[in-house]
Amino acid sequence: MVYKTLPHYRVAFFEGVRSRLTAEGIRFRLIVGEPDTESASRYDTATIPWAESISNHSLRAGNRTLVWQPMLRSIHRSDLVIVEQASRLLVNPVLATWRRLGGPKFALWGHGINRDDSTASRIGEWWKRRTIRSCDWWFAYTEGTAALVSAAGFASNHITIVQNAIDTAALAQAHLAVDAAAMEKTRTELGIRSPHVAVYVGSLYAGKRLGFLIDAADIVRLQLPDFELLIIGDGPHRTTVETAAATRPWLHMLGVRRNDELARLCSVATVMLMPGLVGLAVLDSFALELPMITSAVTNHSPEIEYLEDGRNGVIVPEAASERAYASAVVATMTNQQLLDRLCAGCRKAATRYTVEEMVERFSVGVQKALAQ
């Protein structure tokens, strides 16, 4: 498998796949490129000792950056090569052509389309539609992705729905381990005495609508004078949050926190706010039993399918203003019966969307692709 860069949340998945396939007598190799400036700025990349590292070559084409991954010589004896479905990865069409000339079987892994309009390229999306059938197998993130690929004419019996996930077991265990003393310590550290606390967990960049979040939080604060908001994460738009926090004592910028520390900080909150792009963070909300409140914007990642309005989270209409979003936040935070129902939904979803299930689905898909 070839990955442009290795995000930290993929480590458990790749370790699991390697172990699972080794048990089946299949050698699994992972080739990853070194992180670029954008990836490094999010502080979310990692390393795996057995992974093979390459130096990606970036090429500017107008306002786009294309990437060449130099690994053809090292894969010519492979039986199957799986790559990310991304129009800027120049090696993909080479592999698609090579398979027709006797090269390795070729599989795509991804979303099907770029759902983030702010980063989507018209030419790139056209190219994806043209090449969506140029492979032997598809590893689709979700059922929705599989439907897109199938609708484009790709054989449904050559699609594996991996049910994209991250390893939240440690986070869920850390959440259950937080006791009253730890919660009190957190409240004391942050100077919080209110029951009306919300949290944002994720990278800080434009697609997350951080300005919208802060404006909505201001409105919530007017309706709930003791409202507090914790921002946990980092990224290129960190200064947006820091500037807002400088004049809002109730807005706490806490940076990147994970597992035990993340669970402890989130223990004082009752909901997770994410009005912009939602991706794998929805699984954090399930593990922490913090119902997510989001908006029905069009740039969500496929994992938004896991969020069920009124069951394990809240989805306000896409056109909702900051005031409408704030009203949904207030209505949720002040309705204990609703919160209890949503938290129960989170617990149920947490047992369904797991990295163990994803490893199993992916590994079975690899075996089917090799055997076709």
Protein backbone atom coordinates (compact mmCIF):
# COMPACT_ATOMS: atom_id res chain seq x y z
CA MET A 1 0.00 0.00 0.00
CA VAL A 2 1.27 3.47 -0.93
CA TYR A 3 0.35 6.44 1.26
CA LYS A 4 1.34 10.06 0.59
CA THR A 5 2.11 10.67 4.28
CA LEU A 6 1.33 8.70 7.42
CA PRO A 7 -1.16 10.34 9.82
CA HIS A 8 -0.98 9.20 13.43
CA TYR A 9 -4.54 7.87 13.36
CA ARG A 10 -3.61 5.25 10.72
CA VAL A 11 -0.88 3.54 12.77
CA ALA A 12 -3.18 1.09 14.59
CA PHE A 13 -4.94 0.23 11.33
CA PHE A 14 -1.75 -0.56 9.41
CA GLU A 15 -0.31 -2.54 12.31
CA GLY A 16 -3.54 -4.54 12.48
CA VAL A 17 -3.64 -5.17 8.73
CA ARG A 18 -0.04 -6.34 8.68
CA SER A 19 -0.67 -8.78 11.52
CA ARG A 20 -3.93 -10.04 10.02
CA LEU A 21 -2.49 -10.58 6.53
CA THR A 22 0.71 -12.16 7.85
CA ALA A 23 -1.47 -14.79 9.52
CA GLU A 24 -2.89 -15.53 6.06
CA GLY A 25 0.55 -15.85 4.49
CA ILE A 26 0.35 -12.48 2.74
CA ARG A 27 3.23 -10.03 2.95
CA PHE A 28 1.95 -6.50 3.50
CA ARG A 29 4.25 -3.62 2.66
CA LEU A 30 3.54 0.03 3.46
CA ILE A 31 5.31 2.75 1.49
CA VAL A 32 4.87 6.26 2.88
CA GLY A 33 6.15 9.67 1.85
CA GLU A 34 7.68 12.18 4.19
CA PRO A 35 5.20 14.83 5.43
CA ASP A 36 4.92 18.07 3.47
CA THR A 37 4.67 21.50 5.09
CA GLU A 38 0.87 21.39 5.32
CA SER A 39 0.82 17.97 6.98
CA ALA A 40 3.60 18.94 9.36
CA SER A 41 1.72 22.09 10.41
CA ARG A 42 -1.18 19.96 11.67
CA TYR A 43 1.11 17.92 13.95
CA ASP A 44 -0.74 14.73 13.00
CA THR A 45 1.92 12.65 11.24
CA ALA A 46 3.62 9.55 12.62
CA THR A 47 6.13 6.83 11.78
CA ILE A 48 6.06 3.03 11.75
CA PRO A 49 9.44 1.25 12.07
CA TRP A 50 8.70 -1.36 9.39
CA ALA A 51 7.19 1.09 6.87
CA GLU A 52 9.31 2.01 3.84
CA SER A 53 9.93 5.73 3.56
CA ILE A 54 10.26 7.68 0.32
CA SER A 55 10.76 11.35 -0.51
CA ASN A 56 7.84 12.67 -2.51
CA HIS A 57 8.54 15.12 -5.33
CA SER A 58 6.14 18.07 -5.53
CA LEU A 59 5.37 19.84 -8.80
CA ARG A 60 3.42 23.07 -9.20
CA ALA A 61 0.74 23.12 -11.90
CA GLY A 62 -1.08 26.45 -11.77
CA ASN A 63 -2.62 26.73 -8.32
CA ARG A 64 -2.31 22.99 -7.66
CA THR A 65 0.50 20.88 -6.25
CA LEU A 66 1.03 17.52 -7.92
CA VAL A 67 2.96 14.73 -6.21
CA TRP A 68 5.21 12.08 -7.67
CA GLN A 69 5.92 9.09 -5.42
CA PRO A 70 9.16 7.39 -6.55
CA MET A 71 8.50 3.72 -5.79
CA LEU A 72 7.89 1.91 -9.10
CA ARG A 73 11.14 -0.07 -8.97
CA SER A 74 10.35 -1.41 -5.50
CA ILE A 75 6.87 -2.70 -6.37
CA HIS A 76 7.32 -4.37 -9.75
CA ARG A 77 7.14 -7.87 -8.19
CA SER A 78 4.09 -7.12 -6.05
CA ASP A 79 0.80 -8.92 -6.68
CA LEU A 80 -1.40 -5.98 -5.67
CA VAL A 81 -0.73 -2.29 -5.18
CA ILE A 82 -3.25 -0.13 -3.31
CA VAL A 83 -3.09 3.66 -3.61
CA GLU A 84 -5.09 6.62 -2.37
CA GLN A 85 -7.60 7.88 -4.91
CA ALA A 86 -6.30 11.41 -5.41
CA SER A 87 -6.01 13.26 -8.71
CA ARG A 88 -2.79 14.97 -7.67
CA LEU A 89 -0.93 11.67 -7.21
CA LEU A 90 0.86 11.24 -10.53
CA VAL A 91 1.80 7.61 -10.01
CA ASN A 92 -1.85 6.50 -10.08
CA PRO A 93 -2.41 6.71 -13.86
CA VAL A 94 0.97 5.04 -14.37
CA LEU A 95 -0.12 2.09 -12.24
CA ALA A 96 -3.52 1.99 -13.97
CA THR A 97 -1.78 1.67 -17.34
CA TRP A 98 0.89 -0.73 -16.07
CA ARG A 99 -1.75 -3.23 -14.88
CA ARG A 100 -2.94 -3.56 -18.49
CA LEU A 101 0.61 -4.32 -19.61
CA GLY A 102 1.25 -7.11 -17.13
CA GLY A 103 2.06 -5.08 -14.04
CA PRO A 104 0.67 -5.61 -10.53
CA LYS A 105 -3.04 -5.60 -9.87
CA PHE A 106 -4.13 -2.10 -8.96
CA ALA A 107 -6.65 -1.00 -6.31
CA LEU A 108 -7.99 2.39 -5.29
CA TRP A 109 -8.80 3.44 -1.75
CA GLY A 110 -10.72 6.58 -0.93
CA HIS A 111 -13.83 8.76 -0.98
CA GLY A 112 -14.91 8.44 -4.59
CA ILE A 113 -15.20 12.24 -4.87
CA ASN A 114 -13.77 15.21 -3.02
CA ARG A 115 -16.63 16.44 -0.84
CA ASP A 116 -14.76 19.56 0.27
CA ASP A 117 -15.64 22.22 -2.31
CA SER A 118 -12.99 24.57 -0.90
CA THR A 119 -10.18 22.20 -1.90
CA ALA A 120 -11.75 20.37 -4.84
CA SER A 121 -10.28 20.92 -8.29
CA ARG A 122 -12.66 20.89 -11.25
CA ILE A 123 -10.05 19.21 -13.41
CA GLY A 124 -9.11 16.85 -10.61
CA GLU A 125 -12.70 15.77 -10.00
CA TRP A 126 -13.22 15.31 -13.74
CA TRP A 127 -10.14 13.11 -13.80
CA LYS A 128 -11.43 11.06 -10.85
CA ARG A 129 -14.69 10.39 -12.65
CA ARG A 130 -12.77 9.37 -15.76
CA THR A 131 -10.48 6.97 -13.88
CA ILE A 132 -12.81 5.62 -11.18
CA ARG A 133 -13.05 2.32 -13.11
CA SER A 134 -9.35 2.06 -14.01
CA CYS A 135 -8.52 -0.47 -11.30
CA ASP A 136 -9.09 -4.10 -10.32
CA TRP A 137 -10.57 -3.45 -6.88
CA TRP A 138 -12.03 -0.63 -4.80
CA PHE A 139 -11.66 -0.09 -1.06
CA ALA A 140 -14.47 2.34 -0.27
CA TYR A 141 -14.49 4.33 2.96
CA THR A 142 -18.22 3.95 3.62
CA GLU A 143 -21.45 2.61 2.17
CA GLY A 144 -22.03 6.01 0.57
CA THR A 145 -18.65 5.86 -1.14
CA ALA A 146 -19.40 2.37 -2.43
CA ALA A 147 -22.69 3.62 -3.86
CA LEU A 148 -20.86 6.43 -5.71
CA VAL A 149 -18.31 4.04 -7.17
CA SER A 150 -20.96 1.51 -8.17
CA ALA A 151 -23.09 4.24 -9.79
CA ALA A 152 -20.07 5.18 -11.90
CA GLY A 153 -20.14 1.71 -13.43
CA PHE A 154 -17.62 -0.18 -11.30
CA ALA A 155 -18.60 -3.77 -10.45
CA SER A 156 -20.14 -3.85 -6.99
CA ASN A 157 -18.72 -7.31 -6.29
CA HIS A 158 -15.23 -5.83 -6.61
CA ILE A 159 -15.83 -3.21 -3.91
CA THR A 160 -14.90 -3.61 -0.25
CA ILE A 161 -16.60 -1.25 2.22
CA VAL A 162 -13.91 -0.82 4.87
CA GLN A 163 -16.08 1.30 7.21
CA ASN A 164 -13.31 3.83 7.82
CA ALA A 165 -12.40 4.18 11.49
CA ILE A 166 -9.66 4.95 13.96
CA ASP A 167 -8.58 3.19 17.13
CA THR A 168 -10.69 4.77 19.86
CA ALA A 169 -10.45 1.88 22.34
CA ALA A 170 -7.79 3.60 24.44
CA LEU A 171 -9.76 6.84 24.39
CA ALA A 172 -12.97 5.06 25.42
CA GLN A 173 -11.15 3.31 28.27
CA ALA A 174 -9.60 6.59 29.38
CA HIS A 175 -13.04 8.18 29.35
CA LEU A 176 -14.46 5.45 31.60
CA ALA A 177 -11.48 5.78 33.94
CA VAL A 178 -12.03 9.49 34.65
CA ASP A 179 -13.30 9.78 38.21
CA ALA A 180 -14.76 12.63 40.24
CA ALA A 181 -11.33 13.67 41.51
CA ALA A 182 -9.96 13.98 37.97
CA MET A 183 -12.98 15.99 36.89
CA GLU A 184 -12.59 18.32 39.84
CA LYS A 185 -8.89 18.75 39.04
CA THR A 186 -9.79 19.70 35.47
CA ARG A 187 -12.40 22.23 36.58
CA THR A 188 -9.92 23.77 39.01
CA GLU A 189 -7.17 24.00 36.36
CA LEU A 190 -9.48 25.70 33.88
CA GLY A 191 -11.43 27.76 36.41
CA ILE A 192 -14.71 26.17 35.33
CA ARG A 193 -17.69 25.74 37.64
CA SER A 194 -20.43 25.63 35.02
CA PRO A 195 -22.31 22.53 33.85
CA HIS A 196 -22.65 24.15 30.42
CA VAL A 197 -19.33 23.23 28.83
CA ALA A 198 -18.74 22.32 25.17
CA VAL A 199 -15.60 21.09 23.43
CA TYR A 200 -14.13 21.22 19.92
CA VAL A 201 -11.63 18.47 19.06
CA GLY A 202 -9.75 18.49 15.76
CA SER A 203 -7.35 20.23 13.42
CA LEU A 204 -7.65 23.98 13.04
CA TYR A 205 -8.02 24.99 9.40
CA ALA A 206 -10.46 26.85 7.15
CA GLY A 207 -12.82 23.96 6.43
CA LYS A 208 -13.65 23.67 10.12
CA ARG A 209 -15.48 27.07 10.12
CA LEU A 210 -13.70 28.29 13.24
CA GLY A 211 -14.94 31.86 12.81
CA PHE A 212 -18.51 30.57 12.61
CA LEU A 213 -17.91 28.48 15.74
CA ILE A 214 -16.62 31.45 17.74
CA ASP A 215 -19.46 33.72 16.62
CA ALA A 216 -22.01 31.05 17.54
CA ALA A 217 -20.29 30.54 20.89
CA ASP A 218 -20.66 34.27 21.59
CA ILE A 219 -24.41 33.92 21.06
CA VAL A 220 -24.59 30.82 23.27
CA ARG A 221 -22.77 32.77 25.97
CA LEU A 222 -25.46 35.46 25.85
CA GLN A 223 -28.16 32.84 26.41
CA LEU A 224 -26.16 30.77 28.90
CA PRO A 225 -23.97 33.24 30.83
CA ASP A 226 -21.93 30.41 32.37
CA PHE A 227 -21.15 28.73 29.01
CA GLU A 228 -17.53 27.64 28.47
CA LEU A 229 -15.84 26.30 25.31
CA LEU A 230 -12.68 24.19 25.14
CA ILE A 231 -10.73 24.13 21.87
CA ILE A 232 -8.47 21.08 21.60
CA GLY A 233 -6.29 20.82 18.49
CA ASP A 234 -3.76 22.65 16.38
CA GLY A 235 -3.23 23.73 12.80
CA PRO A 236 -2.64 26.68 10.48
CA HIS A 237 -5.62 28.64 11.89
CA ARG A 238 -4.54 28.38 15.51
CA THR A 239 -4.06 32.16 15.69
CA THR A 240 -7.77 32.64 14.90
CA VAL A 241 -8.65 30.84 18.12
CA GLU A 242 -5.86 32.41 20.16
CA THR A 243 -6.94 35.91 19.13
CA ALA A 244 -10.54 35.16 20.12
CA ALA A 245 -9.48 33.58 23.41
CA ALA A 246 -7.49 36.69 24.35
CA THR A 247 -10.75 38.61 24.85
CA ARG A 248 -12.94 35.73 26.01
CA PRO A 249 -11.95 34.22 29.38
CA TRP A 250 -14.50 31.45 28.82
CA LEU A 251 -12.81 30.29 25.59
CA HIS A 252 -9.93 27.92 26.38
CA MET A 253 -7.31 27.17 23.71
CA LEU A 254 -5.66 23.93 24.87
CA GLY A 255 -3.66 22.66 21.89
CA VAL A 256 -3.23 19.01 20.94
CA ARG A 257 -4.22 16.48 23.62
CA ARG A 258 -4.69 12.73 23.23
CA ASN A 259 -6.02 9.69 25.06
CA ASP A 260 -5.86 10.06 28.89
CA GLU A 261 -5.39 13.82 28.86
CA LEU A 262 -8.01 14.33 26.15
CA ALA A 263 -10.52 12.20 28.06
CA ARG A 264 -9.86 14.10 31.29
CA LEU A 265 -10.36 17.50 29.67
CA CYS A 266 -13.50 16.38 27.84
CA SER A 267 -14.98 14.93 31.02
CA VAL A 268 -16.24 18.37 32.04
CA ALA A 269 -18.10 18.88 28.73
CA THR A 270 -21.53 17.67 27.66
CA VAL A 271 -21.42 18.20 23.86
CA MET A 272 -18.89 18.44 21.03
CA LEU A 273 -19.22 21.38 18.65
CA MET A 274 -18.06 21.10 15.04
CA PRO A 275 -20.08 23.29 12.64
CA GLY A 276 -17.67 22.74 9.76
CA LEU A 277 -16.15 19.70 8.10
CA VAL A 278 -16.67 16.49 10.07
CA GLY A 279 -14.52 13.44 9.51
CA LEU A 280 -13.06 10.91 11.91
CA ALA A 281 -13.67 13.25 14.86
CA VAL A 282 -17.17 11.81 14.97
CA LEU A 283 -15.62 8.62 16.34
CA ASP A 284 -14.01 10.63 19.14
CA SER A 285 -17.44 11.95 20.04
CA PHE A 286 -18.75 8.38 20.25
CA ALA A 287 -15.85 7.18 22.38
CA LEU A 288 -16.16 10.16 24.74
CA GLU A 289 -19.97 9.94 24.85
CA LEU A 290 -20.12 13.57 23.76
CA PRO A 291 -22.91 14.10 21.21
CA MET A 292 -21.64 16.12 18.27
CA ILE A 293 -23.56 19.15 16.99
CA THR A 294 -22.71 19.93 13.38
CA SER A 295 -24.19 21.54 10.27
CA ALA A 296 -25.36 19.85 7.07
CA VAL A 297 -22.61 21.48 4.99
CA THR A 298 -21.58 19.81 1.73
CA ASN A 299 -17.88 19.38 2.48
CA HIS A 300 -18.12 16.69 5.16
CA SER A 301 -15.94 13.63 4.87
CA PRO A 302 -17.70 10.28 4.31
CA GLU A 303 -17.73 9.52 8.05
CA ILE A 304 -20.58 12.00 8.47
CA GLU A 305 -22.74 8.99 7.53
CA TYR A 306 -22.12 7.60 11.02
CA LEU A 307 -23.79 10.61 12.66
CA GLU A 308 -27.55 10.11 12.99
CA ASP A 309 -29.51 13.24 13.77
CA GLY A 310 -31.47 12.84 16.99
CA ARG A 311 -29.90 9.47 17.79
CA ASN A 312 -26.20 10.01 18.41
CA GLY A 313 -25.78 13.66 17.45
CA VAL A 314 -27.45 16.77 16.09
CA ILE A 315 -27.29 18.07 12.51
CA VAL A 316 -28.63 21.58 11.90
CA PRO A 317 -29.57 22.66 8.33
CA GLU A 318 -26.75 23.75 6.02
CA ALA A 319 -28.14 27.27 5.66
CA ALA A 320 -28.45 27.76 9.42
CA SER A 321 -26.98 31.00 10.71
CA GLU A 322 -24.69 31.30 13.70
CA ARG A 323 -27.78 32.20 15.74
CA ALA A 324 -29.66 29.08 14.58
CA TYR A 325 -26.64 26.89 15.34
CA ALA A 326 -26.31 28.50 18.78
CA SER A 327 -30.01 27.81 19.45
CA ALA A 328 -29.45 24.13 18.68
CA VAL A 329 -26.50 24.09 21.08
CA VAL A 330 -28.51 25.69 23.88
CA ALA A 331 -31.52 23.43 23.25
CA THR A 332 -29.32 20.33 23.46
CA MET A 333 -27.25 21.34 26.47
CA THR A 334 -30.31 22.27 28.55
CA ASN A 335 -32.38 19.16 27.75
CA GLN A 336 -31.14 16.31 29.95
CA GLN A 337 -33.54 13.78 28.45
CA LEU A 338 -32.23 14.54 24.97
CA LEU A 339 -28.62 14.42 26.17
CA ASP A 340 -29.19 11.02 27.77
CA ARG A 341 -30.67 9.66 24.54
CA LEU A 342 -27.84 11.01 22.41
CA CYS A 343 -25.19 9.68 24.80
CA ALA A 344 -26.77 6.23 24.64
CA GLY A 345 -26.61 6.50 20.85
CA CYS A 346 -22.92 7.40 21.07
CA ARG A 347 -22.20 4.32 23.19
CA LYS A 348 -23.95 2.08 20.67
CA ALA A 349 -22.15 3.63 17.69
CA ALA A 350 -18.78 3.27 19.45
CA THR A 351 -19.16 -0.51 19.39
CA ARG A 352 -20.00 -0.56 15.69
CA TYR A 353 -17.36 1.70 14.14
CA THR A 354 -14.05 0.25 15.31
CA VAL A 355 -10.59 -0.09 13.83
CA GLU A 356 -10.77 -3.84 14.49
CA GLU A 357 -13.79 -4.11 12.21
CA MET A 358 -12.03 -1.97 9.61
CA VAL A 359 -8.92 -4.18 9.74
CA GLU A 360 -11.04 -7.29 9.21
CA ARG A 361 -12.99 -5.82 6.29
CA PHE A 362 -9.86 -4.48 4.60
CA SER A 363 -7.92 -7.74 5.04
CA VAL A 364 -10.76 -9.83 3.61
CA GLY A 365 -10.94 -7.38 0.70
CA VAL A 366 -7.23 -7.82 -0.01
CA GLN A 367 -7.66 -11.59 -0.10
CA LYS A 368 -10.59 -11.29 -2.50
CA ALA A 369 -8.69 -8.89 -4.74
CA LEU A 370 -5.72 -11.27 -4.90
CA ALA A 371 -7.96 -14.24 -5.64
CA GLN A 372 -10.14 -12.72 -8.37
